[in-house]
Amino acid sequence: MKRWMVLLMLAMFSTAALSGCNTVSGAGKDVQKAGEKVSDKAEDCKDGKC
């Protein structure tokens, strides 16, 4: 019974850690896209198209 609980806890921790990595990765991509939009707009304003 004790071994079963340890395996269950390990599985739950692994699942939480892996889903957390995917969430952070997705957030990083969103921030990167937002940064690209800001950079593009800054370049447009720099050329006087603002």
Protein backbone atom coordinates (compact mmCIF):
# COMPACT_ATOMS: atom_id res chain seq x y z
CA MET A 1 0.00 0.00 0.00
CA LYS A 2 2.84 2.40 0.84
CA ARG A 3 4.52 1.74 -2.50
CA TRP A 4 1.23 2.43 -4.30
CA MET A 5 0.92 5.83 -2.61
CA VAL A 6 4.52 6.76 -3.50
CA LEU A 7 3.93 5.85 -7.15
CA LEU A 8 0.68 7.81 -7.19
CA MET A 9 2.35 10.89 -5.71
CA LEU A 10 5.22 10.61 -8.21
CA ALA A 11 2.77 10.39 -11.12
CA MET A 12 0.83 13.43 -9.88
CA PHE A 13 4.02 15.47 -9.44
CA SER A 14 5.30 14.49 -12.90
CA THR A 15 2.00 15.45 -14.53
CA ALA A 16 1.95 18.83 -12.80
CA ALA A 17 5.56 19.55 -13.73
CA LEU A 18 5.07 18.65 -17.38
CA SER A 19 1.88 20.66 -17.78
CA GLY A 20 3.59 23.61 -16.08
CA CYS A 21 6.39 23.47 -18.64
CA ASN A 22 3.88 23.58 -21.49
CA THR A 23 2.09 26.53 -19.92
CA VAL A 24 5.29 28.52 -19.48
CA SER A 25 6.39 27.66 -23.01
CA GLY A 26 3.07 28.88 -24.41
CA ALA A 27 3.24 32.07 -22.39
CA GLY A 28 6.77 32.68 -23.66
CA LYS A 29 5.59 32.38 -27.25
CA ASP A 30 2.76 34.85 -26.57
CA VAL A 31 5.16 37.36 -25.04
CA GLN A 32 7.54 36.92 -27.95
CA LYS A 33 4.77 37.65 -30.48
CA ALA A 34 3.70 40.73 -28.52
CA GLY A 35 7.32 41.94 -28.48
CA GLU A 36 7.55 41.50 -32.24
CA LYS A 37 4.40 43.61 -32.73
CA VAL A 38 5.82 46.37 -30.52
CA SER A 39 9.10 46.28 -32.44
CA ASP A 40 7.28 46.46 -35.77
CA LYS A 41 5.21 49.43 -34.60
CA ALA A 42 8.32 51.18 -33.30
CA GLU A 43 10.00 50.74 -36.67
CA ASP A 44 6.92 52.16 -38.42
CA CYS A 45 6.91 55.21 -36.15
CA LYS A 46 10.63 55.64 -36.61
CA ASP A 47 10.06 55.96 -40.38
CA GLY A 48 7.36 58.60 -39.81
CA LYS A 49 4.40 56.36 -40.67
CA CYS A 50 2.94 56.59 -37.20
